[in-house]
N, C-alpha and C. Protein backbone atom coordinates (compact mmCIF):
# COMPACT_ATOMS: atom_id res chain seq x y z
N MET A 1 -84.95 -13.16 135.04
CA MET A 1 -85.12 -14.47 134.47
C MET A 1 -85.13 -15.48 135.63
N THR A 2 -86.08 -16.39 135.60
CA THR A 2 -86.18 -17.37 136.65
C THR A 2 -85.50 -18.65 136.24
N THR A 3 -84.94 -19.30 137.25
CA THR A 3 -84.30 -20.59 137.02
C THR A 3 -85.32 -21.67 137.37
N PRO A 4 -85.12 -22.89 136.96
CA PRO A 4 -86.08 -23.97 137.27
C PRO A 4 -86.24 -24.23 138.75
N ASN A 5 -85.28 -23.87 139.60
CA ASN A 5 -85.39 -24.14 141.01
C ASN A 5 -86.13 -23.06 141.77
N GLU A 6 -86.35 -21.91 141.15
CA GLU A 6 -87.04 -20.82 141.83
C GLU A 6 -88.53 -21.06 141.79
N ILE A 7 -89.17 -20.68 142.87
CA ILE A 7 -90.65 -20.77 142.95
C ILE A 7 -91.20 -19.43 142.48
N PRO A 8 -92.10 -19.47 141.48
CA PRO A 8 -92.65 -18.20 141.04
C PRO A 8 -93.53 -17.57 142.10
N THR A 9 -93.41 -16.29 142.29
CA THR A 9 -94.24 -15.60 143.27
C THR A 9 -95.43 -15.00 142.56
N THR A 10 -96.53 -14.99 143.27
CA THR A 10 -97.76 -14.42 142.73
C THR A 10 -98.22 -13.32 143.62
N ASP A 11 -99.05 -12.48 143.08
CA ASP A 11 -99.61 -11.36 143.84
C ASP A 11 -100.62 -11.89 144.83
N PRO A 12 -100.42 -11.66 146.15
CA PRO A 12 -101.38 -12.21 147.13
C PRO A 12 -102.72 -11.53 147.10
N THR A 13 -102.81 -10.36 146.47
CA THR A 13 -104.09 -9.67 146.41
C THR A 13 -104.86 -10.02 145.16
N ALA A 14 -104.29 -10.83 144.28
CA ALA A 14 -104.96 -11.17 143.02
C ALA A 14 -106.11 -12.14 143.30
N ASP A 15 -107.15 -12.03 142.50
CA ASP A 15 -108.31 -12.93 142.63
C ASP A 15 -107.93 -14.33 142.10
N PRO A 16 -108.01 -15.38 142.95
CA PRO A 16 -107.58 -16.70 142.52
C PRO A 16 -108.62 -17.44 141.66
N THR A 17 -109.85 -16.93 141.63
CA THR A 17 -110.87 -17.66 140.86
C THR A 17 -110.69 -17.39 139.37
N PRO A 18 -110.80 -18.45 138.57
CA PRO A 18 -110.66 -18.26 137.11
C PRO A 18 -111.89 -17.52 136.56
N PRO A 19 -111.72 -16.82 135.45
CA PRO A 19 -112.88 -16.11 134.89
C PRO A 19 -113.87 -17.12 134.36
N ARG A 20 -115.16 -16.78 134.50
CA ARG A 20 -116.23 -17.64 133.98
C ARG A 20 -116.47 -17.34 132.54
N ARG A 21 -116.85 -18.34 131.78
CA ARG A 21 -117.17 -18.08 130.38
C ARG A 21 -118.62 -17.57 130.28
N ALA A 22 -118.87 -16.85 129.29
CA ALA A 22 -120.21 -16.26 129.09
C ALA A 22 -121.23 -17.35 128.87
N PRO A 23 -122.42 -17.21 129.49
CA PRO A 23 -123.43 -18.26 129.30
C PRO A 23 -123.93 -18.27 127.86
N SER A 24 -124.15 -19.49 127.36
CA SER A 24 -124.62 -19.67 126.01
C SER A 24 -126.13 -19.53 126.00
N THR A 25 -126.67 -18.78 125.05
CA THR A 25 -128.08 -18.63 124.96
C THR A 25 -128.63 -19.50 123.82
N GLY A 26 -127.80 -20.26 123.18
CA GLY A 26 -128.21 -21.13 122.09
C GLY A 26 -128.90 -22.39 122.60
N PRO A 27 -129.24 -23.28 121.73
CA PRO A 27 -129.89 -24.56 122.11
C PRO A 27 -128.92 -25.43 122.92
N VAL A 28 -129.48 -26.27 123.75
CA VAL A 28 -128.69 -27.20 124.56
C VAL A 28 -128.18 -28.30 123.63
N GLN A 29 -126.91 -28.61 123.75
CA GLN A 29 -126.29 -29.65 122.94
C GLN A 29 -126.36 -31.00 123.63
N TYR A 30 -126.70 -32.06 122.93
CA TYR A 30 -126.71 -33.40 123.43
C TYR A 30 -126.09 -34.30 122.39
N LYS A 31 -124.94 -34.87 122.69
CA LYS A 31 -124.18 -35.72 121.79
C LYS A 31 -123.88 -34.99 120.47
N GLY A 32 -123.55 -33.70 120.54
CA GLY A 32 -123.18 -32.95 119.36
C GLY A 32 -124.31 -32.35 118.57
N ASP A 33 -125.54 -32.66 118.86
CA ASP A 33 -126.69 -32.13 118.15
C ASP A 33 -127.57 -31.35 119.13
N ASP A 34 -128.52 -30.58 118.60
CA ASP A 34 -129.47 -29.90 119.44
C ASP A 34 -130.36 -30.91 120.15
N LEU A 35 -130.67 -30.62 121.40
CA LEU A 35 -131.52 -31.52 122.17
C LEU A 35 -132.97 -31.42 121.69
N GLU A 36 -133.51 -32.54 121.23
CA GLU A 36 -134.89 -32.57 120.71
C GLU A 36 -135.73 -33.40 121.66
N SER A 37 -136.77 -32.77 122.20
CA SER A 37 -137.60 -33.50 123.17
C SER A 37 -138.42 -34.60 122.52
N GLU A 38 -138.71 -34.52 121.22
CA GLU A 38 -139.51 -35.54 120.57
C GLU A 38 -138.79 -36.87 120.45
N ARG A 39 -137.45 -36.84 120.51
CA ARG A 39 -136.68 -38.09 120.30
C ARG A 39 -136.51 -38.90 121.55
N GLY A 40 -136.70 -38.33 122.73
CA GLY A 40 -136.42 -39.05 123.97
C GLY A 40 -137.71 -39.48 124.65
N PRO A 41 -137.52 -40.13 125.81
CA PRO A 41 -138.68 -40.58 126.59
C PRO A 41 -139.46 -39.38 127.16
N GLY A 42 -140.74 -39.58 127.33
CA GLY A 42 -141.60 -38.54 127.87
C GLY A 42 -141.91 -38.78 129.33
N LEU A 43 -142.74 -37.93 129.87
CA LEU A 43 -143.14 -38.04 131.27
C LEU A 43 -143.97 -39.26 131.54
N GLY A 44 -144.80 -39.66 130.58
CA GLY A 44 -145.60 -40.88 130.75
C GLY A 44 -144.74 -42.12 130.86
N CYS A 45 -143.71 -42.18 130.06
CA CYS A 45 -142.76 -43.32 130.10
C CYS A 45 -142.07 -43.34 131.49
N PHE A 46 -141.70 -42.18 131.96
CA PHE A 46 -141.02 -42.07 133.26
C PHE A 46 -141.94 -42.55 134.40
N ARG A 47 -143.20 -42.11 134.33
CA ARG A 47 -144.15 -42.54 135.37
C ARG A 47 -144.38 -44.04 135.35
N PHE A 48 -144.47 -44.59 134.14
CA PHE A 48 -144.63 -46.06 134.02
C PHE A 48 -143.42 -46.78 134.61
N GLN A 49 -142.20 -46.26 134.33
CA GLN A 49 -140.98 -46.87 134.88
C GLN A 49 -141.01 -46.82 136.40
N LEU A 50 -141.47 -45.69 136.95
CA LEU A 50 -141.49 -45.58 138.43
C LEU A 50 -142.50 -46.55 139.04
N ILE A 51 -143.67 -46.70 138.42
CA ILE A 51 -144.66 -47.63 138.96
C ILE A 51 -144.14 -49.05 138.94
N VAL A 52 -143.53 -49.47 137.84
CA VAL A 52 -142.97 -50.82 137.75
C VAL A 52 -141.83 -50.98 138.77
N LEU A 53 -141.00 -49.95 138.91
CA LEU A 53 -139.90 -50.02 139.87
C LEU A 53 -140.42 -50.17 141.29
N ILE A 54 -141.43 -49.44 141.67
CA ILE A 54 -141.98 -49.52 143.03
C ILE A 54 -142.58 -50.89 143.28
N VAL A 55 -143.29 -51.43 142.29
CA VAL A 55 -143.87 -52.77 142.44
C VAL A 55 -142.78 -53.81 142.62
N PHE A 56 -141.71 -53.71 141.81
CA PHE A 56 -140.60 -54.68 141.93
C PHE A 56 -139.86 -54.53 143.25
N ILE A 57 -139.69 -53.30 143.73
CA ILE A 57 -139.00 -53.10 145.01
C ILE A 57 -139.80 -53.72 146.17
N VAL A 58 -141.11 -53.60 146.11
CA VAL A 58 -141.94 -54.19 147.17
C VAL A 58 -141.97 -55.72 146.99
N LEU A 59 -142.07 -56.20 145.78
CA LEU A 59 -142.22 -57.63 145.53
C LEU A 59 -140.95 -58.43 145.78
N THR A 60 -139.78 -57.82 145.61
CA THR A 60 -138.51 -58.58 145.76
C THR A 60 -138.33 -59.14 147.17
N PRO A 61 -138.40 -58.36 148.24
CA PRO A 61 -138.27 -58.98 149.58
C PRO A 61 -139.43 -59.89 149.93
N LEU A 62 -140.61 -59.55 149.43
CA LEU A 62 -141.75 -60.45 149.73
C LEU A 62 -141.60 -61.80 149.07
N SER A 63 -140.96 -61.84 147.90
CA SER A 63 -140.74 -63.14 147.24
C SER A 63 -139.84 -64.04 148.08
N VAL A 64 -138.92 -63.43 148.79
CA VAL A 64 -138.06 -64.26 149.68
C VAL A 64 -138.86 -64.69 150.92
N ALA A 65 -139.64 -63.78 151.48
CA ALA A 65 -140.44 -64.11 152.67
C ALA A 65 -141.49 -65.17 152.36
N TRP A 66 -142.02 -65.19 151.15
CA TRP A 66 -143.05 -66.13 150.78
C TRP A 66 -142.50 -67.42 150.20
N ASN A 67 -141.18 -67.60 150.26
CA ASN A 67 -140.48 -68.81 149.81
C ASN A 67 -140.74 -69.12 148.33
N TRP A 68 -140.69 -68.11 147.50
CA TRP A 68 -140.79 -68.32 146.05
C TRP A 68 -139.48 -68.96 145.60
N PRO A 69 -139.42 -69.55 144.44
CA PRO A 69 -138.16 -70.16 143.98
C PRO A 69 -137.05 -69.09 143.90
N PRO A 70 -135.84 -69.48 144.22
CA PRO A 70 -134.71 -68.49 144.27
C PRO A 70 -134.47 -67.81 142.91
N ILE A 71 -134.79 -68.50 141.79
CA ILE A 71 -134.58 -67.86 140.50
C ILE A 71 -135.51 -66.68 140.31
N VAL A 72 -136.73 -66.75 140.84
CA VAL A 72 -137.69 -65.65 140.73
C VAL A 72 -137.21 -64.47 141.53
N SER A 73 -136.76 -64.72 142.77
CA SER A 73 -136.21 -63.65 143.63
C SER A 73 -134.97 -63.00 142.95
N THR A 74 -134.14 -63.81 142.36
CA THR A 74 -132.94 -63.32 141.69
C THR A 74 -133.33 -62.44 140.49
N LEU A 75 -134.26 -62.92 139.69
CA LEU A 75 -134.70 -62.12 138.52
C LEU A 75 -135.34 -60.80 138.98
N LEU A 76 -136.12 -60.80 140.06
CA LEU A 76 -136.72 -59.57 140.57
C LEU A 76 -135.61 -58.59 141.04
N LEU A 77 -134.60 -59.11 141.71
CA LEU A 77 -133.52 -58.28 142.21
C LEU A 77 -132.76 -57.63 141.07
N PHE A 78 -132.42 -58.42 140.07
CA PHE A 78 -131.70 -57.85 138.90
C PHE A 78 -132.58 -56.93 138.10
N SER A 79 -133.87 -57.19 138.08
CA SER A 79 -134.81 -56.26 137.42
C SER A 79 -134.86 -54.92 138.10
N VAL A 80 -134.82 -54.93 139.45
CA VAL A 80 -134.81 -53.68 140.24
C VAL A 80 -133.55 -52.89 139.89
N ILE A 81 -132.40 -53.58 139.83
CA ILE A 81 -131.16 -52.86 139.51
C ILE A 81 -131.21 -52.27 138.12
N LEU A 82 -131.70 -53.05 137.15
CA LEU A 82 -131.84 -52.55 135.79
C LEU A 82 -132.80 -51.36 135.69
N LEU A 83 -133.94 -51.48 136.39
CA LEU A 83 -134.92 -50.38 136.36
C LEU A 83 -134.38 -49.13 137.03
N LEU A 84 -133.57 -49.28 138.08
CA LEU A 84 -132.94 -48.11 138.69
C LEU A 84 -132.06 -47.38 137.70
N LEU A 85 -131.30 -48.13 136.94
CA LEU A 85 -130.43 -47.53 135.92
C LEU A 85 -131.24 -46.81 134.85
N VAL A 86 -132.25 -47.48 134.31
CA VAL A 86 -133.05 -46.89 133.23
C VAL A 86 -133.83 -45.69 133.71
N THR A 87 -134.42 -45.80 134.89
CA THR A 87 -135.19 -44.67 135.46
C THR A 87 -134.28 -43.48 135.75
N GLY A 88 -133.08 -43.75 136.23
CA GLY A 88 -132.10 -42.66 136.49
C GLY A 88 -131.73 -41.94 135.22
N GLN A 89 -131.50 -42.68 134.14
CA GLN A 89 -131.16 -42.07 132.87
C GLN A 89 -132.34 -41.26 132.31
N THR A 90 -133.55 -41.76 132.51
CA THR A 90 -134.73 -41.03 132.03
C THR A 90 -134.90 -39.71 132.76
N ILE A 91 -134.71 -39.73 134.08
CA ILE A 91 -134.85 -38.48 134.83
C ILE A 91 -133.78 -37.47 134.45
N ILE A 92 -132.59 -37.94 134.15
CA ILE A 92 -131.51 -37.01 133.71
C ILE A 92 -131.92 -36.37 132.36
N PHE A 93 -132.45 -37.16 131.48
CA PHE A 93 -132.87 -36.61 130.19
C PHE A 93 -134.01 -35.61 130.37
N LEU A 94 -135.00 -35.92 131.21
CA LEU A 94 -136.10 -34.98 131.44
C LEU A 94 -135.64 -33.72 132.10
N LEU A 95 -134.68 -33.81 133.00
CA LEU A 95 -134.15 -32.58 133.64
C LEU A 95 -133.41 -31.73 132.62
N ARG A 96 -132.74 -32.35 131.68
CA ARG A 96 -132.05 -31.57 130.64
C ARG A 96 -133.07 -30.84 129.77
N LEU A 97 -134.22 -31.48 129.51
CA LEU A 97 -135.27 -30.82 128.76
C LEU A 97 -135.81 -29.59 129.51
N VAL A 98 -136.02 -29.75 130.80
CA VAL A 98 -136.52 -28.65 131.61
C VAL A 98 -135.50 -27.50 131.63
N SER A 99 -134.24 -27.82 131.78
CA SER A 99 -133.23 -26.76 131.82
C SER A 99 -133.13 -26.09 130.44
N ALA A 100 -133.27 -26.84 129.36
CA ALA A 100 -133.20 -26.26 128.04
C ALA A 100 -134.39 -25.31 127.83
N ASP A 101 -135.56 -25.67 128.35
CA ASP A 101 -136.75 -24.84 128.22
C ASP A 101 -136.60 -23.53 128.99
N ARG A 102 -135.95 -23.59 130.13
CA ARG A 102 -135.84 -22.41 131.01
C ARG A 102 -134.56 -21.61 130.74
N ARG A 103 -133.74 -22.02 129.82
CA ARG A 103 -132.45 -21.41 129.61
C ARG A 103 -132.55 -19.95 129.19
N GLY A 104 -133.46 -19.62 128.30
CA GLY A 104 -133.58 -18.25 127.83
C GLY A 104 -134.24 -17.31 128.80
N ARG A 105 -134.91 -17.84 129.81
CA ARG A 105 -135.67 -17.04 130.77
C ARG A 105 -134.90 -17.00 132.09
N ARG A 106 -134.33 -15.89 132.45
CA ARG A 106 -133.49 -15.82 133.64
C ARG A 106 -134.26 -15.34 134.87
N ARG A 107 -135.30 -14.53 134.70
CA ARG A 107 -136.01 -13.97 135.83
C ARG A 107 -137.17 -14.90 136.21
N PRO A 108 -137.30 -15.23 137.51
CA PRO A 108 -138.47 -15.98 137.95
C PRO A 108 -139.77 -15.21 137.63
N LEU A 109 -140.86 -15.92 137.37
CA LEU A 109 -142.09 -15.28 136.93
C LEU A 109 -142.63 -14.26 137.95
N ALA A 110 -142.62 -14.60 139.23
CA ALA A 110 -143.18 -13.71 140.23
C ALA A 110 -142.18 -12.75 140.88
N SER A 111 -140.98 -12.69 140.37
CA SER A 111 -139.93 -11.91 141.01
C SER A 111 -140.03 -10.42 140.60
N THR A 112 -139.88 -9.54 141.60
CA THR A 112 -139.82 -8.11 141.32
C THR A 112 -138.43 -7.58 141.53
N THR A 113 -137.53 -8.39 142.06
CA THR A 113 -136.14 -7.98 142.30
C THR A 113 -135.25 -8.59 141.27
N LYS A 114 -134.03 -8.06 141.17
CA LYS A 114 -133.06 -8.58 140.22
C LYS A 114 -132.52 -9.91 140.68
N THR A 115 -132.23 -10.81 139.74
CA THR A 115 -131.61 -12.08 140.08
C THR A 115 -130.12 -11.86 140.23
N VAL A 116 -129.46 -12.88 140.80
CA VAL A 116 -127.99 -12.80 140.98
C VAL A 116 -127.28 -12.62 139.65
N GLY A 117 -127.73 -13.30 138.61
CA GLY A 117 -127.12 -13.18 137.30
C GLY A 117 -127.30 -11.77 136.74
N GLU A 118 -128.43 -11.15 136.95
CA GLU A 118 -128.61 -9.78 136.47
C GLU A 118 -127.75 -8.82 137.23
N ILE A 119 -127.58 -9.01 138.56
CA ILE A 119 -126.70 -8.15 139.34
C ILE A 119 -125.26 -8.30 138.89
N GLU A 120 -124.82 -9.55 138.65
CA GLU A 120 -123.45 -9.75 138.19
C GLU A 120 -123.21 -9.13 136.81
N ASP A 121 -124.20 -9.28 135.92
CA ASP A 121 -124.06 -8.66 134.60
C ASP A 121 -123.98 -7.14 134.69
N ALA A 122 -124.78 -6.55 135.59
CA ALA A 122 -124.74 -5.10 135.73
C ALA A 122 -123.42 -4.62 136.29
N ALA A 123 -122.84 -5.40 137.21
CA ALA A 123 -121.58 -5.04 137.79
C ALA A 123 -120.43 -5.19 136.82
N ALA A 124 -120.51 -6.18 135.96
CA ALA A 124 -119.44 -6.45 135.00
C ALA A 124 -119.49 -5.50 133.82
N ASP A 125 -120.68 -5.04 133.43
CA ASP A 125 -120.83 -4.18 132.29
C ASP A 125 -121.74 -3.02 132.66
N PRO A 126 -121.22 -2.01 133.38
CA PRO A 126 -122.10 -0.95 133.84
C PRO A 126 -122.58 -0.11 132.69
N ALA A 127 -123.87 0.13 132.63
CA ALA A 127 -124.49 0.96 131.60
C ALA A 127 -124.36 2.41 132.01
N PRO A 128 -124.13 3.29 131.07
CA PRO A 128 -124.04 4.71 131.42
C PRO A 128 -125.39 5.22 131.93
N THR A 129 -125.37 5.88 133.06
CA THR A 129 -126.58 6.42 133.65
C THR A 129 -126.78 7.88 133.31
N GLY A 130 -125.79 8.54 132.75
CA GLY A 130 -125.90 9.94 132.43
C GLY A 130 -125.55 10.85 133.60
N ILE A 131 -125.37 10.27 134.78
CA ILE A 131 -125.00 11.03 135.97
C ILE A 131 -123.57 10.75 136.28
N GLU A 132 -122.78 11.77 136.29
CA GLU A 132 -121.37 11.61 136.61
C GLU A 132 -121.15 12.08 138.04
N PRO A 133 -120.28 11.41 138.80
CA PRO A 133 -120.01 11.84 140.16
C PRO A 133 -119.30 13.18 140.13
N SER A 134 -119.69 14.06 141.01
CA SER A 134 -119.04 15.39 141.06
C SER A 134 -117.73 15.26 141.81
N PRO A 135 -116.78 16.15 141.50
CA PRO A 135 -115.47 16.07 142.16
C PRO A 135 -115.56 16.40 143.63
N THR A 136 -116.65 16.99 144.10
CA THR A 136 -116.78 17.37 145.50
C THR A 136 -117.41 16.28 146.34
N ASP A 137 -117.91 15.20 145.70
CA ASP A 137 -118.47 14.09 146.48
C ASP A 137 -117.40 13.47 147.35
N PRO A 138 -117.70 13.17 148.62
CA PRO A 138 -116.67 12.57 149.47
C PRO A 138 -116.46 11.12 149.04
N GLU A 139 -115.22 10.69 149.19
CA GLU A 139 -114.87 9.29 148.90
C GLU A 139 -115.43 8.43 150.02
N PRO A 140 -115.98 7.31 149.66
CA PRO A 140 -116.41 6.39 150.74
C PRO A 140 -115.21 5.85 151.49
N GLY A 141 -115.27 5.88 152.76
CA GLY A 141 -114.15 5.44 153.59
C GLY A 141 -114.63 4.42 154.62
N PRO A 142 -113.72 4.04 155.50
CA PRO A 142 -114.13 3.08 156.54
C PRO A 142 -115.12 3.71 157.50
N ALA A 143 -115.92 2.86 158.11
CA ALA A 143 -116.89 3.33 159.08
C ALA A 143 -116.15 3.77 160.35
N PRO A 144 -116.64 4.79 161.01
CA PRO A 144 -115.98 5.24 162.22
C PRO A 144 -116.09 4.22 163.36
N ASP A 145 -115.06 4.17 164.16
CA ASP A 145 -115.05 3.26 165.31
C ASP A 145 -115.95 3.87 166.40
N ASP A 146 -116.33 3.02 167.35
CA ASP A 146 -117.16 3.49 168.48
C ASP A 146 -116.37 4.48 169.33
N GLU A 147 -115.03 4.35 169.38
CA GLU A 147 -114.24 5.22 170.21
C GLU A 147 -114.21 6.66 169.68
N THR A 148 -114.34 6.83 168.37
CA THR A 148 -114.23 8.17 167.80
C THR A 148 -115.60 8.87 167.78
N LEU A 149 -116.67 8.19 168.05
CA LEU A 149 -117.99 8.82 168.04
C LEU A 149 -118.15 9.60 169.35
N PRO A 150 -118.85 10.74 169.28
CA PRO A 150 -119.04 11.52 170.50
C PRO A 150 -120.04 10.76 171.41
N PRO A 151 -119.92 10.89 172.72
CA PRO A 151 -120.84 10.20 173.61
C PRO A 151 -122.24 10.76 173.46
N SER A 152 -123.18 9.89 173.60
CA SER A 152 -124.58 10.34 173.43
C SER A 152 -125.30 10.35 174.74
């Protein structure tokens, strides 16, 4: 029994990383509901926001250099800040749509090798191959040192 002043000891060989939860193959959740691409902004809206943002970014310092009234320069500056916020939120939404579209497909289209996720799944849940190791197979051991090898 441990007292409150004792420090609990842990196994130094234990794996300190917490176990990962299994990946969900269901639809991506957004605010408690399934993510629907029809309800959010599209790529055309995002491109329009980027064009307006670039125009305002270029026009804001030029308005100061061309001695426009300070209220116009101020409005342009605050418009740039607002457009940065809105454009950032739009790109986050579009990236969530892309990730939701690709969620069920784990293997890249042109890949002939296993992905890291497939290798991890195979290591965690080995499928029976029908081949059992024979009792005469040598155990894998450490590689021999250069000193123990015969001279060549």
